[in-house]
């Protein structure tokens, strides 16, 4: 499948603290781009139709050089095996936090591929 996004995502190991729809969740990160972050969840964790709902997301990963906190909305949910990949779009994020993401993506591009 051809990637249609303007800002390609890169893999991210870390933890996402998500406050959305009255729930406070700790979830594993999957990927990140300057437009949002992907998280892996079990099937009904967010409820039936959370699309468009806005919440607060805190991204913690030693690879980022600092925590990122932003307002996010659920962009889409896609099945990946027994889990769901949830795309959270940044609705409000600071320039400093965007720079952390840009820097991480630069490091990923420069890192040698591992086999």
PDB file of N, CA and C in Angstrom:
ATOM      1  N   UNK A   1       0.847  -1.175   0.000  1.00  0.00           N
ATOM      2  CA  UNK A   1       0.000   0.000   0.000  1.00  0.00           C
ATOM      3  C   UNK A   1       0.895   1.240   0.000  1.00  0.00           C
ATOM      4  N   UNK A   2       0.600   2.178  -0.877  1.00  0.00           N
ATOM      5  CA  UNK A   2       1.377   3.400  -0.979  1.00  0.00           C
ATOM      6  C   UNK A   2       1.056   4.341   0.182  1.00  0.00           C
ATOM      7  N   UNK A   3       2.106   4.893   0.758  1.00  0.00           N
ATOM      8  CA  UNK A   3       1.947   5.838   1.872  1.00  0.00           C
ATOM      9  C   UNK A   3       1.428   7.168   1.333  1.00  0.00           C
ATOM     10  N   UNK A   4       0.335   7.678   1.895  1.00  0.00           N
ATOM     11  CA  UNK A   4      -0.266   8.915   1.408  1.00  0.00           C
ATOM     12  C   UNK A   4       0.006  10.112   2.293  1.00  0.00           C
ATOM     13  N   UNK A   5       0.651   9.907   3.403  1.00  0.00           N
ATOM     14  CA  UNK A   5       0.821  11.012   4.337  1.00  0.00           C
ATOM     15  C   UNK A   5       1.915  11.981   3.881  1.00  0.00           C
ATOM     16  N   UNK A   6       1.750  13.243   4.230  1.00  0.00           N
ATOM     17  CA  UNK A   6       2.732  14.275   3.890  1.00  0.00           C
ATOM     18  C   UNK A   6       3.986  14.136   4.737  1.00  0.00           C
ATOM     19  N   UNK A   7       3.834  13.684   5.955  1.00  0.00           N
ATOM     20  CA  UNK A   7       4.959  13.539   6.865  1.00  0.00           C
ATOM     21  C   UNK A   7       5.113  12.073   7.242  1.00  0.00           C
ATOM     22  N   UNK A   8       6.083  11.383   6.649  1.00  0.00           N
ATOM     23  CA  UNK A   8       6.251   9.951   6.936  1.00  0.00           C
ATOM     24  C   UNK A   8       6.505   9.697   8.420  1.00  0.00           C
ATOM     25  N   UNK A   9       6.026   8.575   8.880  1.00  0.00           N
ATOM     26  CA  UNK A   9       6.204   8.220  10.282  1.00  0.00           C
ATOM     27  C   UNK A   9       7.443   7.349  10.441  1.00  0.00           C
ATOM     28  N   UNK A  10       7.977   7.339  11.649  1.00  0.00           N
ATOM     29  CA  UNK A  10       9.114   6.488  11.986  1.00  0.00           C
ATOM     30  C   UNK A  10       8.755   5.720  13.252  1.00  0.00           C
ATOM     31  N   UNK A  11       9.331   4.552  13.379  1.00  0.00           N
ATOM     32  CA  UNK A  11       9.089   3.711  14.551  1.00  0.00           C
ATOM     33  C   UNK A  11       9.523   4.417  15.823  1.00  0.00           C
ATOM     34  N   UNK A  12       8.778   4.193  16.883  1.00  0.00           N
ATOM     35  CA  UNK A  12       9.109   4.801  18.165  1.00  0.00           C
ATOM     36  C   UNK A  12       8.854   3.791  19.269  1.00  0.00           C
ATOM     37  N   UNK A  13       9.855   3.581  20.096  1.00  0.00           N
ATOM     38  CA  UNK A  13       9.685   2.761  21.296  1.00  0.00           C
ATOM     39  C   UNK A  13       9.494   3.710  22.462  1.00  0.00           C
ATOM     40  N   UNK A  14       8.405   3.551  23.142  1.00  0.00           N
ATOM     41  CA  UNK A  14       8.117   4.429  24.265  1.00  0.00           C
ATOM     42  C   UNK A  14       6.723   4.172  24.781  1.00  0.00           C
ATOM     43  N   UNK A  15       6.296   5.057  25.652  1.00  0.00           N
ATOM     44  CA  UNK A  15       4.994   4.902  26.290  1.00  0.00           C
ATOM     45  C   UNK A  15       4.174   6.163  26.068  1.00  0.00           C
ATOM     46  N   UNK A  16       2.899   5.954  25.836  1.00  0.00           N
ATOM     47  CA  UNK A  16       1.955   7.046  25.637  1.00  0.00           C
ATOM     48  C   UNK A  16       0.991   7.068  26.817  1.00  0.00           C
ATOM     49  N   UNK A  17       0.862   8.223  27.429  1.00  0.00           N
ATOM     50  CA  UNK A  17      -0.143   8.433  28.477  1.00  0.00           C
ATOM     51  C   UNK A  17      -1.258   9.231  27.808  1.00  0.00           C
ATOM     52  N   UNK A  18      -2.414   8.623  27.680  1.00  0.00           N
ATOM     53  CA  UNK A  18      -3.514   9.233  26.952  1.00  0.00           C
ATOM     54  C   UNK A  18      -4.707   9.446  27.865  1.00  0.00           C
ATOM     55  N   UNK A  19      -5.197  10.664  27.886  1.00  0.00           N
ATOM     56  CA  UNK A  19      -6.392  11.011  28.634  1.00  0.00           C
ATOM     57  C   UNK A  19      -7.447  11.393  27.597  1.00  0.00           C
ATOM     58  N   UNK A  20      -8.426  10.486  27.407  1.00  0.00           N
ATOM     59  CA  UNK A  20      -9.397  10.672  26.337  1.00  0.00           C
ATOM     60  C   UNK A  20     -10.728  10.035  26.729  1.00  0.00           C
ATOM     61  N   UNK A  21     -11.811  10.755  26.562  1.00  0.00           N
ATOM     62  CA  UNK A  21     -13.133  10.204  26.840  1.00  0.00           C
ATOM     63  C   UNK A  21     -13.324   9.744  28.265  1.00  0.00           C
ATOM     64  N   UNK A  22     -12.723  10.457  29.218  1.00  0.00           N
ATOM     65  CA  UNK A  22     -12.858  10.084  30.617  1.00  0.00           C
ATOM     66  C   UNK A  22     -11.970   8.931  31.054  1.00  0.00           C
ATOM     67  N   UNK A  23     -11.123   8.443  30.152  1.00  0.00           N
ATOM     68  CA  UNK A  23     -10.212   7.345  30.483  1.00  0.00           C
ATOM     69  C   UNK A  23      -8.781   7.862  30.530  1.00  0.00           C
ATOM     70  N   UNK A  24      -7.992   7.285  31.427  1.00  0.00           N
ATOM     71  CA  UNK A  24      -6.563   7.563  31.501  1.00  0.00           C
ATOM     72  C   UNK A  24      -5.839   6.260  31.200  1.00  0.00           C
ATOM     73  N   UNK A  25      -5.118   6.237  30.082  1.00  0.00           N
ATOM     74  CA  UNK A  25      -4.505   5.004  29.603  1.00  0.00           C
ATOM     75  C   UNK A  25      -3.002   5.142  29.450  1.00  0.00           C
ATOM     76  N   UNK A  26      -2.302   4.038  29.682  1.00  0.00           N
ATOM     77  CA  UNK A  26      -0.863   3.934  29.375  1.00  0.00           C
ATOM     78  C   UNK A  26      -0.758   2.909  28.258  1.00  0.00           C
ATOM     79  N   UNK A  27      -0.219   3.338  27.118  1.00  0.00           N
ATOM     80  CA  UNK A  27      -0.196   2.502  25.925  1.00  0.00           C
ATOM     81  C   UNK A  27       1.190   2.492  25.292  1.00  0.00           C
ATOM     82  N   UNK A  28       1.540   1.413  24.598  1.00  0.00           N
ATOM     83  CA  UNK A  28       2.833   1.389  23.908  1.00  0.00           C
ATOM     84  C   UNK A  28       2.782   2.209  22.621  1.00  0.00           C
ATOM     85  N   UNK A  29       3.825   2.986  22.397  1.00  0.00           N
ATOM     86  CA  UNK A  29       3.931   3.751  21.156  1.00  0.00           C
ATOM     87  C   UNK A  29       4.270   2.817  20.009  1.00  0.00           C
ATOM     88  N   UNK A  30       3.864   3.193  18.824  1.00  0.00           N
ATOM     89  CA  UNK A  30       4.178   2.420  17.626  1.00  0.00           C
ATOM     90  C   UNK A  30       5.041   3.234  16.672  1.00  0.00           C
ATOM     91  N   UNK A  31       4.596   4.455  16.386  1.00  0.00           N
ATOM     92  CA  UNK A  31       5.327   5.316  15.456  1.00  0.00           C
ATOM     93  C   UNK A  31       4.989   6.770  15.743  1.00  0.00           C
ATOM     94  N   UNK A  32       5.757   7.666  15.096  1.00  0.00           N
ATOM     95  CA  UNK A  32       5.539   9.101  15.298  1.00  0.00           C
ATOM     96  C   UNK A  32       5.886   9.843  14.021  1.00  0.00           C
ATOM     97  N   UNK A  33       5.214  10.963  13.808  1.00  0.00           N
ATOM     98  CA  UNK A  33       5.545  11.899  12.739  1.00  0.00           C
ATOM     99  C   UNK A  33       5.234  13.289  13.282  1.00  0.00           C
ATOM    100  N   UNK A  34       5.508  14.315  12.503  1.00  0.00           N
ATOM    101  CA  UNK A  34       5.218  15.663  12.990  1.00  0.00           C
ATOM    102  C   UNK A  34       3.716  15.941  13.029  1.00  0.00           C
ATOM    103  N   UNK A  35       2.925  15.072  12.414  1.00  0.00           N
ATOM    104  CA  UNK A  35       1.477  15.281  12.439  1.00  0.00           C
ATOM    105  C   UNK A  35       0.763  14.446  13.497  1.00  0.00           C
ATOM    106  N   UNK A  36       1.447  13.437  14.064  1.00  0.00           N
ATOM    107  CA  UNK A  36       0.780  12.637  15.082  1.00  0.00           C
ATOM    108  C   UNK A  36       1.593  11.448  15.541  1.00  0.00           C
ATOM    109  N   UNK A  37       0.950  10.606  16.344  1.00  0.00           N
ATOM    110  CA  UNK A  37       1.613   9.443  16.923  1.00  0.00           C
ATOM    111  C   UNK A  37       0.671   8.244  16.823  1.00  0.00           C
ATOM    112  N   UNK A  38       1.256   7.071  16.632  1.00  0.00           N
ATOM    113  CA  UNK A  38       0.473   5.840  16.581  1.00  0.00           C
ATOM    114  C   UNK A  38       0.643   5.048  17.857  1.00  0.00           C
ATOM    115  N   UNK A  39      -0.454   4.469  18.357  1.00  0.00           N
ATOM    116  CA  UNK A  39      -0.408   3.633  19.555  1.00  0.00           C
ATOM    117  C   UNK A  39      -1.105   2.306  19.262  1.00  0.00           C
ATOM    118  N   UNK A  40      -0.657   1.274  19.953  1.00  0.00           N
ATOM    119  CA  UNK A  40      -1.273  -0.043  19.828  1.00  0.00           C
ATOM    120  C   UNK A  40      -2.189  -0.292  21.019  1.00  0.00           C
ATOM    121  N   UNK A  41      -3.403  -0.723  20.738  1.00  0.00           N
ATOM    122  CA  UNK A  41      -4.364  -0.986  21.806  1.00  0.00           C
ATOM    123  C   UNK A  41      -5.042  -2.337  21.585  1.00  0.00           C
ATOM    124  N   UNK A  42      -5.669  -2.810  22.629  1.00  0.00           N
ATOM    125  CA  UNK A  42      -6.540  -3.976  22.494  1.00  0.00           C
ATOM    126  C   UNK A  42      -7.900  -3.485  22.011  1.00  0.00           C
ATOM    127  N   UNK A  43      -8.666  -4.364  21.447  1.00  0.00           N
ATOM    128  CA  UNK A  43      -9.940  -3.989  20.797  1.00  0.00           C
ATOM    129  C   UNK A  43     -10.844  -3.153  21.665  1.00  0.00           C
ATOM    130  N   UNK A  44     -11.485  -2.887  22.273  1.00  0.00           N
ATOM    131  CA  UNK A  44     -12.464  -2.062  22.949  1.00  0.00           C
ATOM    132  C   UNK A  44     -11.891  -1.107  24.001  1.00  0.00           C
ATOM    133  N   UNK A  45     -10.630  -0.848  24.002  1.00  0.00           N
ATOM    134  CA  UNK A  45     -10.057   0.028  25.028  1.00  0.00           C
ATOM    135  C   UNK A  45     -10.621   1.449  24.937  1.00  0.00           C
ATOM    136  N   UNK A  46     -10.787   1.976  23.744  1.00  0.00           N
ATOM    137  CA  UNK A  46     -11.272   3.346  23.585  1.00  0.00           C
ATOM    138  C   UNK A  46     -12.785   3.444  23.416  1.00  0.00           C
ATOM    139  N   UNK A  47     -13.477   2.334  23.377  1.00  0.00           N
ATOM    140  CA  UNK A  47     -14.921   2.376  23.170  1.00  0.00           C
ATOM    141  C   UNK A  47     -15.259   2.208  21.695  1.00  0.00           C
ATOM    142  N   UNK A  48     -16.502   2.339  21.377  1.00  0.00           N
ATOM    143  CA  UNK A  48     -16.986   2.021  20.040  1.00  0.00           C
ATOM    144  C   UNK A  48     -16.521   2.989  18.954  1.00  0.00           C
ATOM    145  N   UNK A  49     -16.728   4.284  19.108  1.00  0.00           N
ATOM    146  CA  UNK A  49     -16.407   5.229  18.041  1.00  0.00           C
ATOM    147  C   UNK A  49     -15.764   6.495  18.597  1.00  0.00           C
ATOM    148  N   UNK A  50     -14.477   6.464  18.904  1.00  0.00           N
ATOM    149  CA  UNK A  50     -13.837   7.643  19.482  1.00  0.00           C
ATOM    150  C   UNK A  50     -13.360   8.662  18.448  1.00  0.00           C
ATOM    151  N   UNK A  51     -13.581   8.436  17.160  1.00  0.00           N
ATOM    152  CA  UNK A  51     -13.077   9.325  16.112  1.00  0.00           C
ATOM    153  C   UNK A  51     -13.440  10.780  16.373  1.00  0.00           C
ATOM    154  N   UNK A  52     -12.461  11.649  16.242  1.00  0.00           N
ATOM    155  CA  UNK A  52     -12.678  13.071  16.385  1.00  0.00           C
ATOM    156  C   UNK A  52     -12.630  13.594  17.811  1.00  0.00           C
ATOM    157  N   UNK A  53     -12.715  12.732  18.792  1.00  0.00           N
ATOM    158  CA  UNK A  53     -12.683  13.162  20.185  1.00  0.00           C
ATOM    159  C   UNK A  53     -11.287  13.681  20.526  1.00  0.00           C
ATOM    160  N   UNK A  54     -11.211  14.790  21.251  1.00  0.00           N
ATOM    161  CA  UNK A  54      -9.921  15.400  21.595  1.00  0.00           C
ATOM    162  C   UNK A  54      -9.531  15.031  23.018  1.00  0.00           C
ATOM    163  N   UNK A  55      -8.257  14.710  23.204  1.00  0.00           N
ATOM    164  CA  UNK A  55      -7.725  14.370  24.508  1.00  0.00           C
ATOM    165  C   UNK A  55      -6.310  14.899  24.659  1.00  0.00           C
ATOM    166  N   UNK A  56      -5.687  14.557  25.765  1.00  0.00           N
ATOM    167  CA  UNK A  56      -4.309  14.981  26.033  1.00  0.00           C
ATOM    168  C   UNK A  56      -3.415  13.751  25.999  1.00  0.00           C
ATOM    169  N   UNK A  57      -2.292  13.902  25.332  1.00  0.00           N
ATOM    170  CA  UNK A  57      -1.357  12.797  25.139  1.00  0.00           C
ATOM    171  C   UNK A  57       0.031  13.232  25.627  1.00  0.00           C
ATOM    172  N   UNK A  58       0.666  12.371  26.403  1.00  0.00           N
ATOM    173  CA  UNK A  58       2.045  12.610  26.830  1.00  0.00           C
ATOM    174  C   UNK A  58       2.878  11.454  26.291  1.00  0.00           C
ATOM    175  N   UNK A  59       3.896  11.783  25.506  1.00  0.00           N
ATOM    176  CA  UNK A  59       4.746  10.781  24.875  1.00  0.00           C
ATOM    177  C   UNK A  59       6.075  10.759  25.609  1.00  0.00           C
ATOM    178  N   UNK A  60       6.448   9.571  26.097  1.00  0.00           N
ATOM    179  CA  UNK A  60       7.716   9.418  26.807  1.00  0.00           C
ATOM    180  C   UNK A  60       8.540   8.343  26.115  1.00  0.00           C
ATOM    181  N   UNK A  61       9.733   8.736  25.678  1.00  0.00           N
ATOM    182  CA  UNK A  61      10.661   7.805  25.048  1.00  0.00           C
ATOM    183  C   UNK A  61      12.069   8.349  25.251  1.00  0.00           C
ATOM    184  N   UNK A  62      13.011   7.503  25.665  1.00  0.00           N
ATOM    185  CA  UNK A  62      14.384   7.983  25.827  1.00  0.00           C
ATOM    186  C   UNK A  62      14.987   8.437  24.490  1.00  0.00           C
ATOM    187  N   UNK A  63      14.435   7.994  23.385  1.00  0.00           N
ATOM    188  CA  UNK A  63      14.948   8.363  22.070  1.00  0.00           C
ATOM    189  C   UNK A  63      14.598   9.787  21.663  1.00  0.00           C
ATOM    190  N   UNK A  64      13.581  10.381  22.269  1.00  0.00           N
ATOM    191  CA  UNK A  64      13.117  11.707  21.857  1.00  0.00           C
ATOM    192  C   UNK A  64      13.896  12.863  22.469  1.00  0.00           C
ATOM    193  N   UNK A  65      14.585  12.640  23.550  1.00  0.00           N
ATOM    194  CA  UNK A  65      15.312  13.741  24.179  1.00  0.00           C
ATOM    195  C   UNK A  65      14.435  14.614  25.056  1.00  0.00           C
ATOM    196  N   UNK A  66      13.251  14.170  25.376  1.00  0.00           N
ATOM    197  CA  UNK A  66      12.338  14.911  26.235  1.00  0.00           C
ATOM    198  C   UNK A  66      10.918  14.430  26.018  1.00  0.00           C
ATOM    199  N   UNK A  67      10.094  14.681  27.004  1.00  0.00           N
ATOM    200  CA  UNK A  67       8.684  14.282  26.884  1.00  0.00           C
ATOM    201  C   UNK A  67       7.951  15.270  25.987  1.00  0.00           C
ATOM    202  N   UNK A  68       6.926  14.778  25.324  1.00  0.00           N
ATOM    203  CA  UNK A  68       6.092  15.606  24.462  1.00  0.00           C
ATOM    204  C   UNK A  68       4.669  15.515  24.978  1.00  0.00           C
ATOM    205  N   UNK A  69       4.039  16.668  25.157  1.00  0.00           N
ATOM    206  CA  UNK A  69       2.647  16.693  25.585  1.00  0.00           C
ATOM    207  C   UNK A  69       1.856  17.526  24.588  1.00  0.00           C
ATOM    208  N   UNK A  70       0.750  16.975  24.116  1.00  0.00           N
ATOM    209  CA  UNK A  70      -0.026  17.655  23.085  1.00  0.00           C
ATOM    210  C   UNK A  70      -1.492  17.269  23.184  1.00  0.00           C
ATOM    211  N   UNK A  71      -2.330  18.124  22.642  1.00  0.00           N
ATOM    212  CA  UNK A  71      -3.725  17.762  22.449  1.00  0.00           C
ATOM    213  C   UNK A  71      -3.786  16.926  21.178  1.00  0.00           C
ATOM    214  N   UNK A  72      -4.548  15.838  21.225  1.00  0.00           N
ATOM    215  CA  UNK A  72      -4.654  14.935  20.083  1.00  0.00           C
ATOM    216  C   UNK A  72      -6.117  14.568  19.832  1.00  0.00           C
ATOM    217  N   UNK A  73      -6.376  14.127  18.618  1.00  0.00           N
ATOM    218  CA  UNK A  73      -7.684  13.554  18.301  1.00  0.00           C
ATOM    219  C   UNK A  73      -7.454  12.221  17.601  1.00  0.00           C
ATOM    220  N   UNK A  74      -8.428  11.338  17.710  1.00  0.00           N
ATOM    221  CA  UNK A  74      -8.324  10.035  17.064  1.00  0.00           C
ATOM    222  C   UNK A  74      -8.605  10.230  15.576  1.00  0.00           C
ATOM    223  N   UNK A  75      -7.587   9.945  14.774  1.00  0.00           N
ATOM    224  CA  UNK A  75      -7.714  10.112  13.331  1.00  0.00           C
ATOM    225  C   UNK A  75      -8.294   8.855  12.692  1.00  0.00           C
ATOM    226  N   UNK A  76      -7.711   7.705  13.038  1.00  0.00           N
ATOM    227  CA  UNK A  76      -8.202   6.454  12.482  1.00  0.00           C
ATOM    228  C   UNK A  76      -7.765   5.273  13.327  1.00  0.00           C
ATOM    229  N   UNK A  77      -8.454   4.163  13.141  1.00  0.00           N
ATOM    230  CA  UNK A  77      -8.122   2.930  13.844  1.00  0.00           C
ATOM    231  C   UNK A  77      -8.041   1.828  12.801  1.00  0.00           C
ATOM    232  N   UNK A  78      -6.929   1.083  12.831  1.00  0.00           N
ATOM    233  CA  UNK A  78      -6.719   0.009  11.856  1.00  0.00           C
ATOM    234  C   UNK A  78      -6.329  -1.268  12.584  1.00  0.00           C
ATOM    235  N   UNK A  79      -6.863  -2.385  12.131  1.00  0.00           N
ATOM    236  CA  UNK A  79      -6.557  -3.688  12.731  1.00  0.00           C
ATOM    237  C   UNK A  79      -5.145  -4.112  12.333  1.00  0.00           C
ATOM    238  N   UNK A  80      -4.362  -4.565  13.335  1.00  0.00           N
ATOM    239  CA  UNK A  80      -3.033  -5.128  13.112  1.00  0.00           C
ATOM    240  C   UNK A  80      -2.964  -6.409  13.937  1.00  0.00           C
ATOM    241  N   UNK A  81      -3.241  -7.540  13.302  1.00  0.00           N
ATOM    242  CA  UNK A  81      -3.306  -8.805  14.030  1.00  0.00           C
ATOM    243  C   UNK A  81      -4.426  -8.764  15.051  1.00  0.00           C
ATOM    244  N   UNK A  82      -4.102  -9.076  16.323  1.00  0.00           N
ATOM    245  CA  UNK A  82      -5.105  -9.053  17.389  1.00  0.00           C
ATOM    246  C   UNK A  82      -5.256  -7.675  18.027  1.00  0.00           C
ATOM    247  N   UNK A  83      -4.447  -6.713  17.594  1.00  0.00           N
ATOM    248  CA  UNK A  83      -4.471  -5.375  18.179  1.00  0.00           C
ATOM    249  C   UNK A  83      -5.052  -4.366  17.201  1.00  0.00           C
ATOM    250  N   UNK A  84      -5.183  -3.133  17.660  1.00  0.00           N
ATOM    251  CA  UNK A  84      -5.604  -2.019  16.818  1.00  0.00           C
ATOM    252  C   UNK A  84      -4.508  -0.969  16.853  1.00  0.00           C
ATOM    253  N   UNK A  85      -4.189  -0.419  15.692  1.00  0.00           N
ATOM    254  CA  UNK A  85      -3.257   0.700  15.604  1.00  0.00           C
ATOM    255  C   UNK A  85      -4.101   1.960  15.520  1.00  0.00           C
ATOM    256  N   UNK A  86      -3.964   2.825  16.515  1.00  0.00           N
ATOM    257  CA  UNK A  86      -4.746   4.058  16.577  1.00  0.00           C
ATOM    258  C   UNK A  86      -3.844   5.214  16.180  1.00  0.00           C
ATOM    259  N   UNK A  87      -4.278   5.955  15.182  1.00  0.00           N
ATOM    260  CA  UNK A  87      -3.557   7.151  14.756  1.00  0.00           C
ATOM    261  C   UNK A  87      -4.097   8.357  15.492  1.00  0.00           C
ATOM    262  N   UNK A  88      -3.252   8.971  16.311  1.00  0.00           N
ATOM    263  CA  UNK A  88      -3.630  10.174  17.061  1.00  0.00           C
ATOM    264  C   UNK A  88      -3.010  11.384  16.365  1.00  0.00           C
ATOM    265  N   UNK A  89      -3.838  12.294  15.910  1.00  0.00           N
ATOM    266  CA  UNK A  89      -3.356  13.493  15.216  1.00  0.00           C
ATOM    267  C   UNK A  89      -3.133  14.608  16.230  1.00  0.00           C
ATOM    268  N   UNK A  90      -1.973  15.287  16.113  1.00  0.00           N
ATOM    269  CA  UNK A  90      -1.702  16.430  16.982  1.00  0.00           C
ATOM    270  C   UNK A  90      -2.634  17.569  16.600  1.00  0.00           C
ATOM    271  N   UNK A  91      -3.405  18.046  17.569  1.00  0.00           N
ATOM    272  CA  UNK A  91      -4.280  19.197  17.365  1.00  0.00           C
ATOM    273  C   UNK A  91      -3.593  20.472  17.845  1.00  0.00           C
ATOM    274  N   UNK A  92      -2.776  20.336  18.882  1.00  0.00           N
ATOM    275  CA  UNK A  92      -2.043  21.472  19.429  1.00  0.00           C
ATOM    276  C   UNK A  92      -0.752  20.936  20.043  1.00  0.00           C
ATOM    277  N   UNK A  93       0.393  21.444  19.527  1.00  0.00           N
ATOM    278  CA  UNK A  93       1.701  21.009  20.002  1.00  0.00           C
ATOM    279  C   UNK A  93       2.657  22.189  19.870  1.00  0.00           C
ATOM    280  N   UNK A  94       3.593  22.325  20.804  1.00  0.00           N
ATOM    281  CA  UNK A  94       4.497  23.472  20.779  1.00  0.00           C
ATOM    282  C   UNK A  94       5.591  23.291  19.717  1.00  0.00           C
ATOM    283  N   UNK A  95       6.168  24.403  19.307  1.00  0.00           N
ATOM    284  CA  UNK A  95       7.269  24.368  18.340  1.00  0.00           C
ATOM    285  C   UNK A  95       8.464  23.598  18.889  1.00  0.00           C
ATOM    286  N   UNK A  96       8.729  23.725  20.200  1.00  0.00           N
ATOM    287  CA  UNK A  96       9.850  23.021  20.816  1.00  0.00           C
ATOM    288  C   UNK A  96       9.636  21.505  20.756  1.00  0.00           C
ATOM    289  N   UNK A  97       8.419  21.084  20.999  1.00  0.00           N
ATOM    290  CA  UNK A  97       8.126  19.656  20.953  1.00  0.00           C
ATOM    291  C   UNK A  97       8.154  19.129  19.516  1.00  0.00           C
ATOM    292  N   UNK A  98       7.717  19.931  18.558  1.00  0.00           N
ATOM    293  CA  UNK A  98       7.835  19.542  17.148  1.00  0.00           C
ATOM    294  C   UNK A  98       9.303  19.386  16.758  1.00  0.00           C
ATOM    295  N   UNK A  99      10.151  20.242  17.295  1.00  0.00           N
ATOM    296  CA  UNK A  99      11.576  20.148  16.991  1.00  0.00           C
ATOM    297  C   UNK A  99      12.176  18.849  17.530  1.00  0.00           C
ATOM    298  N   UNK A 100      11.697  18.379  18.691  1.00  0.00           N
ATOM    299  CA  UNK A 100      12.156  17.085  19.214  1.00  0.00           C
ATOM    300  C   UNK A 100      11.820  15.964  18.224  1.00  0.00           C
ATOM    301  N   UNK A 101      10.637  16.033  17.631  1.00  0.00           N
ATOM    302  CA  UNK A 101      10.233  15.022  16.654  1.00  0.00           C
ATOM    303  C   UNK A 101      11.083  15.125  15.392  1.00  0.00           C
ATOM    304  N   UNK A 102      11.291  16.347  14.898  1.00  0.00           N
ATOM    305  CA  UNK A 102      12.142  16.543  13.711  1.00  0.00           C
ATOM    306  C   UNK A 102      13.540  15.975  13.951  1.00  0.00           C
ATOM    307  N   UNK A 103      14.104  16.256  15.110  1.00  0.00           N
ATOM    308  CA  UNK A 103      15.451  15.784  15.436  1.00  0.00           C
ATOM    309  C   UNK A 103      15.490  14.256  15.502  1.00  0.00           C
ATOM    310  N   UNK A 104      14.481  13.653  16.098  1.00  0.00           N
ATOM    311  CA  UNK A 104      14.413  12.192  16.173  1.00  0.00           C
ATOM    312  C   UNK A 104      14.323  11.588  14.767  1.00  0.00           C
ATOM    313  N   UNK A 105      13.518  12.188  13.910  1.00  0.00           N
ATOM    314  CA  UNK A 105      13.396  11.685  12.534  1.00  0.00           C
ATOM    315  C   UNK A 105      14.717  11.812  11.782  1.00  0.00           C
ATOM    316  N   UNK A 106      15.461  12.904  12.021  1.00  0.00           N
ATOM    317  CA  UNK A 106      16.788  13.066  11.387  1.00  0.00           C
ATOM    318  C   UNK A 106      17.727  11.958  11.845  1.00  0.00           C
ATOM    319  N   UNK A 107      17.723  11.667  13.143  1.00  0.00           N
ATOM    320  CA  UNK A 107      18.568  10.593  13.681  1.00  0.00           C
ATOM    321  C   UNK A 107      18.208   9.252  13.039  1.00  0.00           C
ATOM    322  N   UNK A 108      16.918   9.000  12.865  1.00  0.00           N
ATOM    323  CA  UNK A 108      16.459   7.737  12.265  1.00  0.00           C
ATOM    324  C   UNK A 108      16.941   7.628  10.820  1.00  0.00           C
ATOM    325  N   UNK A 109      16.899   8.712  10.080  1.00  0.00           N
ATOM    326  CA  UNK A 109      17.358   8.704   8.682  1.00  0.00           C
ATOM    327  C   UNK A 109      18.850   8.437   8.585  1.00  0.00           C
ATOM    328  N   UNK A 110      19.627   8.974   9.537  1.00  0.00           N
ATOM    329  CA  UNK A 110      21.066   8.857   9.501  1.00  0.00           C
ATOM    330  C   UNK A 110      21.574   7.534  10.070  1.00  0.00           C
ATOM    331  N   UNK A 111      20.759   6.881  10.887  1.00  0.00           N
ATOM    332  CA  UNK A 111      21.175   5.614  11.523  1.00  0.00           C
ATOM    333  C   UNK A 111      21.299   4.528  10.462  1.00  0.00           C
ATOM    334  N   UNK A 112      22.362   3.710  10.561  1.00  0.00           N
ATOM    335  CA  UNK A 112      22.505   2.615   9.593  1.00  0.00           C
ATOM    336  C   UNK A 112      21.388   1.585   9.794  1.00  0.00           C
ATOM    337  N   UNK A 113      20.931   1.029   8.702  1.00  0.00           N
ATOM    338  CA  UNK A 113      19.878   0.001   8.754  1.00  0.00           C
ATOM    339  C   UNK A 113      20.410  -1.244   9.445  1.00  0.00           C
ATOM    340  N   UNK A 114      19.574  -1.849  10.281  1.00  0.00           N
ATOM    341  CA  UNK A 114      19.961  -3.088  10.944  1.00  0.00           C
ATOM    342  C   UNK A 114      19.269  -4.247  10.276  1.00  0.00           C
ATOM    343  N   UNK A 115      19.968  -5.379  10.204  1.00  0.00           N
ATOM    344  CA  UNK A 115      19.336  -6.522   9.544  1.00  0.00           C
ATOM    345  C   UNK A 115      18.753  -7.478  10.524  1.00  0.00           C
TER     346      UNK A 115
END
